[in-house]
């Protein structure tokens, strides 16, 4: 019995672009990276302008957006852009998680669109190159290694739970520290 993996159709082996060759895969992934980067930039720019300039929520999801926009993650992305300049935009494509923060920070501090887009191109091209060559092979190998291995899946789940718990505990400690320092003044 033949199995068909995610992204495959019967009679093919791999993702839809594999039969088209490297150039199609690279161009497709370059377009995905550029569109995602532009969407993040513009969403952050518009949301920041509308949220911070015109509102002051104290509860609900709007307060959460305010808190995130004024939070440490976005502040780190903004600080790295201010410290290192637009060189952080292409470099952020080589990271996971930090990428969104840098792209959003560029929108939040209103980096002009043309310089942002020109800075984004090399990073998006590097991301597209990595994923069109070895990136999906690594993901595929990882998924294949985990398939049918309940202990490996359990170990991965345990790592994710520990990482999540660590993030939550650190945030709570910071909040408690801020509350104590605010009460001491």
N, C-alpha and C. Protein backbone atom coordinates (compact mmCIF):
# COMPACT_ATOMS: atom_id res chain seq x y z
N UNK A 1 0.84 -1.18 0.00
CA UNK A 1 0.00 0.00 0.00
C UNK A 1 0.88 1.24 0.00
N UNK A 2 0.59 2.18 -0.88
CA UNK A 2 1.37 3.41 -1.00
C UNK A 2 0.71 4.51 -0.18
N UNK A 3 1.52 5.25 0.59
CA UNK A 3 0.98 6.36 1.38
C UNK A 3 1.32 7.67 0.69
N UNK A 4 0.50 8.66 0.92
CA UNK A 4 0.71 9.99 0.34
C UNK A 4 0.89 10.96 1.50
N UNK A 5 2.02 11.65 1.52
CA UNK A 5 2.32 12.58 2.61
C UNK A 5 1.67 13.93 2.36
N UNK A 6 1.66 14.75 3.41
CA UNK A 6 1.10 16.10 3.30
C UNK A 6 1.83 16.86 2.20
N UNK A 7 1.10 17.58 1.38
CA UNK A 7 1.72 18.35 0.30
C UNK A 7 1.87 17.54 -0.97
N UNK A 8 1.53 16.27 -0.94
CA UNK A 8 1.67 15.40 -2.11
C UNK A 8 0.31 15.04 -2.67
N UNK A 9 0.33 14.70 -3.93
CA UNK A 9 -0.86 14.13 -4.54
C UNK A 9 -0.47 12.76 -5.07
N UNK A 10 -1.43 11.92 -5.29
CA UNK A 10 -1.16 10.57 -5.78
C UNK A 10 -0.36 10.67 -7.07
N UNK A 11 0.73 9.94 -7.15
CA UNK A 11 1.54 9.91 -8.36
C UNK A 11 2.66 10.94 -8.37
N UNK A 12 2.77 11.77 -7.35
CA UNK A 12 3.86 12.73 -7.27
C UNK A 12 4.69 12.43 -6.04
N UNK A 13 5.84 13.04 -5.98
CA UNK A 13 6.68 12.84 -4.80
C UNK A 13 7.13 14.19 -4.29
N UNK A 14 6.42 14.74 -3.33
CA UNK A 14 6.84 16.00 -2.74
C UNK A 14 5.81 17.09 -2.90
N UNK A 15 6.30 18.32 -2.79
CA UNK A 15 5.44 19.48 -2.88
C UNK A 15 5.13 19.79 -4.33
N UNK A 16 4.09 20.61 -4.57
CA UNK A 16 3.59 20.85 -5.92
C UNK A 16 4.64 21.41 -6.86
N UNK A 17 5.61 22.17 -6.36
CA UNK A 17 6.57 22.82 -7.23
C UNK A 17 7.75 21.92 -7.61
N UNK A 18 7.89 20.77 -6.96
CA UNK A 18 9.05 19.92 -7.21
C UNK A 18 9.15 19.48 -8.66
N UNK A 19 8.03 19.26 -9.30
CA UNK A 19 8.10 18.85 -10.70
C UNK A 19 8.46 20.03 -11.60
N UNK A 20 8.35 21.26 -11.08
CA UNK A 20 8.67 22.45 -11.87
C UNK A 20 10.14 22.85 -11.76
N UNK A 21 10.83 22.38 -10.74
CA UNK A 21 12.25 22.68 -10.60
C UNK A 21 12.54 23.73 -9.55
N UNK A 22 13.82 23.92 -9.34
CA UNK A 22 14.32 24.81 -8.30
C UNK A 22 13.87 26.25 -8.50
N UNK A 23 13.94 26.76 -9.71
CA UNK A 23 13.64 28.17 -9.96
C UNK A 23 12.20 28.49 -9.54
N UNK A 24 11.25 27.63 -9.88
CA UNK A 24 9.86 27.87 -9.50
C UNK A 24 9.71 27.82 -7.99
N UNK A 25 10.35 26.85 -7.35
CA UNK A 25 10.29 26.75 -5.89
C UNK A 25 10.88 28.00 -5.24
N UNK A 26 12.04 28.43 -5.71
CA UNK A 26 12.69 29.61 -5.15
C UNK A 26 11.83 30.84 -5.33
N UNK A 27 11.31 31.07 -6.53
CA UNK A 27 10.50 32.25 -6.79
C UNK A 27 9.21 32.24 -5.98
N UNK A 28 8.61 31.07 -5.85
CA UNK A 28 7.39 30.95 -5.04
C UNK A 28 7.70 31.31 -3.58
N UNK A 29 8.76 30.75 -3.02
CA UNK A 29 9.10 31.01 -1.62
C UNK A 29 9.58 32.45 -1.41
N UNK A 30 10.26 33.02 -2.39
CA UNK A 30 10.65 34.43 -2.32
C UNK A 30 9.41 35.30 -2.25
N UNK A 31 8.42 35.00 -3.09
CA UNK A 31 7.16 35.76 -3.08
C UNK A 31 6.45 35.61 -1.74
N UNK A 32 6.43 34.39 -1.19
CA UNK A 32 5.80 34.16 0.12
C UNK A 32 6.49 35.00 1.19
N UNK A 33 7.83 35.00 1.20
CA UNK A 33 8.57 35.75 2.21
C UNK A 33 8.34 37.25 2.05
N UNK A 34 8.34 37.74 0.83
CA UNK A 34 8.11 39.17 0.60
C UNK A 34 6.70 39.58 1.03
N UNK A 35 5.71 38.78 0.64
CA UNK A 35 4.33 39.10 0.99
C UNK A 35 4.11 39.06 2.50
N UNK A 36 4.69 38.04 3.15
CA UNK A 36 4.55 37.95 4.61
C UNK A 36 5.23 39.13 5.28
N UNK A 37 6.41 39.49 4.83
CA UNK A 37 7.12 40.63 5.40
C UNK A 37 6.38 41.93 5.22
N UNK A 38 5.84 42.15 4.00
CA UNK A 38 5.08 43.36 3.73
C UNK A 38 3.79 43.40 4.57
N UNK A 39 3.14 42.25 4.67
CA UNK A 39 1.90 42.19 5.46
C UNK A 39 2.19 42.51 6.92
N UNK A 40 3.27 41.96 7.46
CA UNK A 40 3.64 42.22 8.85
C UNK A 40 3.96 43.69 9.04
N UNK A 41 4.76 44.25 8.14
CA UNK A 41 5.15 45.66 8.19
C UNK A 41 3.93 46.57 8.18
N UNK A 42 3.04 46.37 7.19
CA UNK A 42 1.89 47.25 7.05
C UNK A 42 0.87 47.05 8.16
N UNK A 43 0.66 45.83 8.57
CA UNK A 43 -0.27 45.57 9.66
C UNK A 43 0.21 46.27 10.93
N UNK A 44 1.49 46.13 11.22
CA UNK A 44 2.05 46.77 12.42
C UNK A 44 1.98 48.28 12.30
N UNK A 45 2.25 48.80 11.14
CA UNK A 45 2.23 50.25 10.94
C UNK A 45 0.83 50.82 11.16
N UNK A 46 -0.16 50.20 10.53
CA UNK A 46 -1.53 50.68 10.64
C UNK A 46 -2.08 50.47 12.05
N UNK A 47 -1.86 49.27 12.60
CA UNK A 47 -2.37 48.99 13.94
C UNK A 47 -1.73 49.91 14.97
N UNK A 48 -0.45 50.14 14.84
CA UNK A 48 0.23 51.03 15.79
C UNK A 48 -0.33 52.43 15.73
N UNK A 49 -0.46 52.95 14.52
CA UNK A 49 -0.99 54.30 14.38
C UNK A 49 -2.40 54.41 14.96
N UNK A 50 -3.24 53.45 14.62
CA UNK A 50 -4.63 53.50 15.07
C UNK A 50 -4.77 53.21 16.56
N UNK A 51 -4.02 52.24 17.03
CA UNK A 51 -4.17 51.81 18.42
C UNK A 51 -3.56 52.79 19.41
N UNK A 52 -2.32 53.14 19.22
CA UNK A 52 -1.64 53.98 20.19
C UNK A 52 -2.07 55.44 20.11
N UNK A 53 -2.41 55.90 18.93
CA UNK A 53 -2.75 57.31 18.78
C UNK A 53 -4.19 57.63 19.19
N UNK A 54 -5.08 56.66 19.05
CA UNK A 54 -6.50 56.98 19.22
C UNK A 54 -7.22 56.23 20.33
N UNK A 55 -6.54 55.32 21.00
CA UNK A 55 -7.22 54.54 22.02
C UNK A 55 -6.38 54.43 23.29
N UNK A 56 -7.05 54.08 24.37
CA UNK A 56 -6.39 53.81 25.65
C UNK A 56 -7.22 52.76 26.41
N UNK A 57 -7.31 51.54 25.86
CA UNK A 57 -8.15 50.53 26.50
C UNK A 57 -7.55 50.04 27.82
N UNK A 58 -8.45 49.61 28.70
CA UNK A 58 -8.00 49.09 30.00
C UNK A 58 -8.33 47.62 30.19
N UNK A 59 -9.13 47.04 29.27
CA UNK A 59 -9.46 45.62 29.39
C UNK A 59 -9.77 45.05 28.01
N UNK A 60 -9.85 43.73 27.95
CA UNK A 60 -10.19 43.05 26.72
C UNK A 60 -9.00 42.88 25.79
N UNK A 61 -9.30 42.44 24.57
CA UNK A 61 -8.23 42.15 23.62
C UNK A 61 -7.52 43.42 23.19
N UNK A 62 -8.20 44.54 23.19
CA UNK A 62 -7.55 45.80 22.81
C UNK A 62 -6.45 46.16 23.80
N UNK A 63 -6.71 45.92 25.07
CA UNK A 63 -5.68 46.16 26.07
C UNK A 63 -4.50 45.22 25.86
N UNK A 64 -4.80 44.00 25.43
CA UNK A 64 -3.73 43.05 25.12
C UNK A 64 -2.86 43.53 23.96
N UNK A 65 -3.50 44.09 22.93
CA UNK A 65 -2.75 44.64 21.80
C UNK A 65 -1.88 45.80 22.26
N UNK A 66 -2.45 46.69 23.07
CA UNK A 66 -1.68 47.80 23.63
C UNK A 66 -0.48 47.27 24.40
N UNK A 67 -0.72 46.30 25.25
CA UNK A 67 0.37 45.74 26.07
C UNK A 67 1.44 45.13 25.18
N UNK A 68 1.03 44.41 24.12
CA UNK A 68 2.01 43.79 23.23
C UNK A 68 2.82 44.86 22.50
N UNK A 69 2.14 45.90 22.02
CA UNK A 69 2.84 46.96 21.29
C UNK A 69 3.82 47.71 22.19
N UNK A 70 3.53 47.74 23.47
CA UNK A 70 4.44 48.40 24.40
C UNK A 70 5.31 47.41 25.17
N UNK A 71 5.24 46.13 24.80
CA UNK A 71 5.94 45.07 25.53
C UNK A 71 7.40 44.93 25.18
N UNK A 72 8.05 44.00 25.89
CA UNK A 72 9.48 43.79 25.75
C UNK A 72 9.89 43.22 24.39
N UNK A 73 9.10 42.29 23.86
CA UNK A 73 9.45 41.70 22.57
C UNK A 73 9.52 42.73 21.47
N UNK A 74 8.50 43.55 21.36
CA UNK A 74 8.48 44.61 20.35
C UNK A 74 9.56 45.63 20.65
N UNK A 75 9.78 45.93 21.92
CA UNK A 75 10.83 46.88 22.29
C UNK A 75 12.21 46.37 21.87
N UNK A 76 12.45 45.05 22.03
CA UNK A 76 13.73 44.48 21.59
C UNK A 76 13.88 44.60 20.09
N UNK A 77 12.83 44.31 19.34
CA UNK A 77 12.88 44.45 17.89
C UNK A 77 13.15 45.89 17.47
N UNK A 78 12.46 46.82 18.11
CA UNK A 78 12.65 48.24 17.82
C UNK A 78 14.07 48.68 18.18
N UNK A 79 14.55 48.25 19.35
CA UNK A 79 15.89 48.63 19.79
C UNK A 79 16.96 48.10 18.84
N UNK A 80 16.78 46.87 18.37
CA UNK A 80 17.78 46.33 17.44
C UNK A 80 17.76 47.08 16.11
N UNK A 81 16.58 47.49 15.66
CA UNK A 81 16.50 48.29 14.44
C UNK A 81 17.16 49.65 14.64
N UNK A 82 16.94 50.25 15.79
CA UNK A 82 17.54 51.55 16.05
C UNK A 82 19.05 51.44 16.24
N UNK A 83 19.50 50.35 16.85
CA UNK A 83 20.93 50.16 17.11
C UNK A 83 21.67 49.77 15.85
N UNK A 84 21.14 48.80 15.11
CA UNK A 84 21.85 48.23 13.97
C UNK A 84 21.35 48.74 12.63
N UNK A 85 20.21 49.40 12.63
CA UNK A 85 19.67 49.94 11.39
C UNK A 85 18.98 48.88 10.55
N UNK A 86 18.81 49.17 9.29
CA UNK A 86 18.07 48.30 8.40
C UNK A 86 18.78 46.98 8.11
N UNK A 87 20.01 46.82 8.54
CA UNK A 87 20.69 45.53 8.35
C UNK A 87 19.97 44.43 9.12
N UNK A 88 19.21 44.80 10.15
CA UNK A 88 18.46 43.80 10.92
C UNK A 88 17.32 43.20 10.10
N UNK A 89 16.80 43.93 9.12
CA UNK A 89 15.67 43.41 8.33
C UNK A 89 16.07 42.16 7.56
N UNK A 90 17.15 42.17 6.75
CA UNK A 90 17.49 40.91 6.08
C UNK A 90 17.99 39.83 7.04
N UNK A 91 18.68 40.23 8.10
CA UNK A 91 19.20 39.24 9.05
C UNK A 91 18.08 38.53 9.81
N UNK A 92 16.96 39.23 10.03
CA UNK A 92 15.87 38.62 10.79
C UNK A 92 15.26 37.43 10.06
N UNK A 93 15.43 37.35 8.75
CA UNK A 93 14.89 36.21 8.00
C UNK A 93 15.64 34.91 8.32
N UNK A 94 16.77 35.02 8.97
CA UNK A 94 17.54 33.84 9.35
C UNK A 94 17.19 33.36 10.75
N UNK A 95 16.18 33.97 11.37
CA UNK A 95 15.78 33.60 12.72
C UNK A 95 14.34 33.10 12.71
N UNK A 96 13.94 32.53 13.82
CA UNK A 96 12.55 32.10 14.00
C UNK A 96 11.99 32.91 15.17
N UNK A 97 10.85 33.53 14.99
CA UNK A 97 10.24 34.31 16.06
C UNK A 97 10.67 35.76 16.06
N UNK A 98 11.96 36.01 16.05
CA UNK A 98 12.49 37.37 16.06
C UNK A 98 12.15 38.08 14.76
N UNK A 99 11.98 37.32 13.69
CA UNK A 99 11.67 37.88 12.37
C UNK A 99 10.42 38.75 12.43
N UNK A 100 9.36 38.22 12.98
CA UNK A 100 8.11 38.96 13.06
C UNK A 100 8.28 40.23 13.88
N UNK A 101 9.04 40.15 14.96
CA UNK A 101 9.24 41.32 15.82
C UNK A 101 9.98 42.43 15.09
N UNK A 102 11.00 42.07 14.33
CA UNK A 102 11.77 43.09 13.60
C UNK A 102 10.93 43.71 12.50
N UNK A 103 10.22 42.87 11.73
CA UNK A 103 9.39 43.38 10.64
C UNK A 103 8.27 44.27 11.19
N UNK A 104 7.67 43.85 12.30
CA UNK A 104 6.63 44.67 12.91
C UNK A 104 7.22 45.96 13.46
N UNK A 105 8.38 45.89 14.07
CA UNK A 105 9.02 47.09 14.61
C UNK A 105 9.33 48.08 13.50
N UNK A 106 9.72 47.60 12.32
CA UNK A 106 9.98 48.49 11.19
C UNK A 106 8.71 49.25 10.82
N UNK A 107 7.58 48.57 10.85
CA UNK A 107 6.32 49.25 10.58
C UNK A 107 5.94 50.21 11.69
N UNK A 108 6.19 49.79 12.93
CA UNK A 108 5.81 50.62 14.08
C UNK A 108 6.59 51.92 14.13
N UNK A 109 7.87 51.89 13.79
CA UNK A 109 8.67 53.12 13.85
C UNK A 109 8.65 53.86 12.51
N UNK A 110 7.78 53.37 11.61
CA UNK A 110 7.52 54.02 10.32
C UNK A 110 8.76 54.15 9.46
N UNK A 111 9.52 53.05 9.35
CA UNK A 111 10.61 53.02 8.39
C UNK A 111 9.99 53.26 7.01
N UNK A 112 10.57 54.15 6.21
CA UNK A 112 9.98 54.40 4.89
C UNK A 112 9.89 53.11 4.07
N UNK A 113 8.82 53.00 3.28
CA UNK A 113 8.51 51.75 2.57
C UNK A 113 9.60 51.33 1.59
N UNK A 114 10.14 52.22 0.77
CA UNK A 114 11.13 51.83 -0.24
C UNK A 114 12.40 51.29 0.42
N UNK A 115 13.01 52.00 1.39
CA UNK A 115 14.19 51.41 2.04
C UNK A 115 13.89 50.09 2.75
N UNK A 116 12.71 49.99 3.37
CA UNK A 116 12.34 48.73 4.02
C UNK A 116 12.26 47.60 3.00
N UNK A 117 11.60 47.83 1.88
CA UNK A 117 11.44 46.79 0.87
C UNK A 117 12.79 46.40 0.27
N UNK A 118 13.66 47.37 0.02
CA UNK A 118 14.99 47.06 -0.52
C UNK A 118 15.83 46.27 0.49
N UNK A 119 15.67 46.60 1.77
CA UNK A 119 16.39 45.85 2.81
C UNK A 119 15.80 44.45 2.97
N UNK A 120 14.52 44.31 2.72
CA UNK A 120 13.84 43.03 2.88
C UNK A 120 14.24 42.03 1.80
N UNK A 121 14.55 42.49 0.60
CA UNK A 121 14.82 41.59 -0.53
C UNK A 121 15.93 40.57 -0.27
N UNK A 122 17.11 40.96 0.22
CA UNK A 122 18.14 39.93 0.44
C UNK A 122 17.75 38.89 1.49
N UNK A 123 17.07 39.33 2.54
CA UNK A 123 16.64 38.39 3.57
C UNK A 123 15.60 37.42 3.05
N UNK A 124 14.63 37.94 2.31
CA UNK A 124 13.60 37.08 1.74
C UNK A 124 14.21 36.11 0.73
N UNK A 125 15.19 36.59 -0.03
CA UNK A 125 15.87 35.71 -1.00
C UNK A 125 16.65 34.60 -0.28
N UNK A 126 17.31 34.95 0.82
CA UNK A 126 18.04 33.93 1.59
C UNK A 126 17.07 32.91 2.17
N UNK A 127 15.95 33.38 2.71
CA UNK A 127 14.94 32.48 3.26
C UNK A 127 14.41 31.56 2.17
N UNK A 128 14.08 32.12 1.02
CA UNK A 128 13.59 31.32 -0.10
C UNK A 128 14.61 30.30 -0.56
N UNK A 129 15.88 30.69 -0.59
CA UNK A 129 16.95 29.77 -1.00
C UNK A 129 17.10 28.63 -0.01
N UNK A 130 17.09 28.96 1.27
CA UNK A 130 17.24 27.93 2.30
C UNK A 130 16.09 26.92 2.22
N UNK A 131 14.87 27.43 2.16
CA UNK A 131 13.72 26.53 2.15
C UNK A 131 13.53 25.81 0.82
N UNK A 132 13.97 26.39 -0.27
CA UNK A 132 13.81 25.69 -1.56
C UNK A 132 14.90 24.65 -1.76
N UNK A 133 15.92 24.66 -0.93
CA UNK A 133 16.98 23.65 -1.05
C UNK A 133 16.90 22.67 0.11
N UNK A 134 17.38 23.04 1.27
CA UNK A 134 17.45 22.08 2.38
C UNK A 134 16.36 22.22 3.42
N UNK A 135 15.71 23.38 3.48
CA UNK A 135 14.74 23.65 4.55
C UNK A 135 13.62 22.65 4.64
N UNK A 136 12.92 22.41 3.54
CA UNK A 136 11.80 21.47 3.58
C UNK A 136 12.29 20.04 3.73
N UNK A 137 13.49 19.75 3.26
CA UNK A 137 14.05 18.41 3.45
C UNK A 137 14.26 18.13 4.93
N UNK A 138 14.74 19.14 5.67
CA UNK A 138 14.95 18.97 7.11
C UNK A 138 13.61 18.78 7.81
N UNK A 139 12.61 19.61 7.48
CA UNK A 139 11.28 19.45 8.07
C UNK A 139 10.71 18.08 7.74
N UNK A 140 10.83 17.67 6.49
CA UNK A 140 10.31 16.37 6.07
C UNK A 140 10.98 15.23 6.81
N UNK A 141 12.31 15.32 6.98
CA UNK A 141 13.04 14.28 7.70
C UNK A 141 12.62 14.23 9.17
N UNK A 142 12.40 15.39 9.76
CA UNK A 142 11.96 15.45 11.16
C UNK A 142 10.58 14.82 11.33
N UNK A 143 9.67 15.18 10.44
CA UNK A 143 8.32 14.62 10.52
C UNK A 143 8.36 13.11 10.28
N UNK A 144 9.16 12.68 9.30
CA UNK A 144 9.26 11.25 9.02
C UNK A 144 9.86 10.51 10.21
N UNK A 145 10.83 11.13 10.88
CA UNK A 145 11.45 10.48 12.03
C UNK A 145 10.46 10.36 13.19
N UNK A 146 9.57 11.33 13.31
CA UNK A 146 8.59 11.31 14.39
C UNK A 146 7.40 10.40 14.09
N UNK A 147 7.12 10.21 12.80
CA UNK A 147 5.95 9.41 12.41
C UNK A 147 6.11 7.98 12.90
N UNK A 148 5.12 7.52 13.60
CA UNK A 148 5.15 6.15 14.09
C UNK A 148 6.05 5.94 15.30
N UNK A 149 6.56 7.01 15.87
CA UNK A 149 7.43 6.92 17.04
C UNK A 149 6.78 7.65 18.21
N UNK A 150 5.92 6.98 18.96
CA UNK A 150 5.20 7.66 20.04
C UNK A 150 6.11 8.29 21.09
N UNK A 151 7.24 7.66 21.38
CA UNK A 151 8.16 8.25 22.37
C UNK A 151 8.78 9.53 21.84
N UNK A 152 9.10 9.59 20.56
CA UNK A 152 9.67 10.80 19.99
C UNK A 152 8.64 11.93 20.00
N UNK A 153 7.41 11.61 19.68
CA UNK A 153 6.34 12.61 19.71
C UNK A 153 6.12 13.09 21.15
N UNK A 154 6.13 12.17 22.10
CA UNK A 154 5.97 12.54 23.51
C UNK A 154 7.13 13.43 23.97
N UNK A 155 8.35 13.11 23.56
CA UNK A 155 9.51 13.91 23.93
C UNK A 155 9.40 15.32 23.34
N UNK A 156 8.98 15.41 22.09
CA UNK A 156 8.80 16.72 21.47
C UNK A 156 7.72 17.52 22.19
N UNK A 157 6.62 16.87 22.53
CA UNK A 157 5.54 17.54 23.26
C UNK A 157 6.04 18.01 24.63
N UNK A 158 6.83 17.20 25.29
CA UNK A 158 7.37 17.58 26.60
C UNK A 158 8.29 18.80 26.47
N UNK A 159 9.11 18.84 25.45
CA UNK A 159 9.99 19.99 25.23
C UNK A 159 9.16 21.25 25.00
N UNK A 160 8.10 21.14 24.21
CA UNK A 160 7.24 22.29 23.95
C UNK A 160 6.53 22.77 25.21
N UNK A 161 6.08 21.84 26.05
CA UNK A 161 5.41 22.20 27.30
C UNK A 161 6.39 22.90 28.24
N UNK A 162 7.61 22.38 28.36
CA UNK A 162 8.62 23.00 29.22
C UNK A 162 8.97 24.40 28.71
N UNK A 163 9.14 24.53 27.40
CA UNK A 163 9.45 25.85 26.84
C UNK A 163 8.31 26.83 27.09
N UNK A 164 7.09 26.41 26.90
CA UNK A 164 5.94 27.28 27.16
C UNK A 164 5.83 27.66 28.61
N UNK A 165 6.01 26.69 29.51
CA UNK A 165 5.95 26.97 30.94
C UNK A 165 7.05 27.95 31.36
N UNK A 166 8.22 27.81 30.78
CA UNK A 166 9.33 28.71 31.08
C UNK A 166 8.98 30.14 30.70
N UNK A 167 8.41 30.32 29.52
CA UNK A 167 8.02 31.66 29.07
C UNK A 167 6.97 32.26 30.00
N UNK A 168 5.97 31.47 30.35
CA UNK A 168 4.90 31.96 31.23
C UNK A 168 5.46 32.33 32.60
N UNK A 169 6.30 31.48 33.17
CA UNK A 169 6.88 31.77 34.49
C UNK A 169 7.75 33.02 34.47
N UNK A 170 8.53 33.19 33.42
CA UNK A 170 9.38 34.40 33.34
C UNK A 170 8.52 35.66 33.26
N UNK A 171 7.46 35.61 32.48
CA UNK A 171 6.57 36.77 32.38
C UNK A 171 5.94 37.09 33.73
N UNK A 172 5.49 36.05 34.43
CA UNK A 172 4.88 36.28 35.75
C UNK A 172 5.88 36.87 36.72
N UNK A 173 7.11 36.38 36.70
CA UNK A 173 8.14 36.93 37.59
C UNK A 173 8.40 38.40 37.29
N UNK A 174 8.47 38.74 36.00
CA UNK A 174 8.66 40.14 35.62
C UNK A 174 7.50 41.00 36.11
N UNK A 175 6.28 40.50 35.93
CA UNK A 175 5.10 41.26 36.36
C UNK A 175 5.10 41.46 37.87
N UNK A 176 5.48 40.41 38.61
CA UNK A 176 5.54 40.52 40.06
C UNK A 176 6.62 41.52 40.46
N UNK A 177 7.77 41.45 39.78
CA UNK A 177 8.85 42.41 40.05
C UNK A 177 8.44 43.84 39.77
N UNK A 178 7.72 44.05 38.68
CA UNK A 178 7.24 45.39 38.36
C UNK A 178 6.23 45.86 39.38
N UNK A 179 5.35 44.98 39.80
CA UNK A 179 4.34 45.35 40.79
C UNK A 179 5.02 45.72 42.11
N UNK A 180 6.02 44.95 42.49
CA UNK A 180 6.74 45.26 43.74
C UNK A 180 7.48 46.57 43.65
N UNK A 181 8.14 46.82 42.52
CA UNK A 181 8.88 48.07 42.39
C UNK A 181 7.93 49.26 42.30
N UNK A 182 6.75 49.04 41.70
CA UNK A 182 5.75 50.11 41.66
C UNK A 182 5.16 50.39 43.03
N UNK A 183 5.00 49.35 43.85
CA UNK A 183 4.46 49.51 45.21
C UNK A 183 5.47 50.14 46.14
N UNK A 184 6.77 49.96 45.83
CA UNK A 184 7.81 50.49 46.71
C UNK A 184 7.97 51.99 46.53
N UNK A 185 7.53 52.53 45.41
CA UNK A 185 7.71 53.98 45.18
C UNK A 185 6.61 54.79 45.76
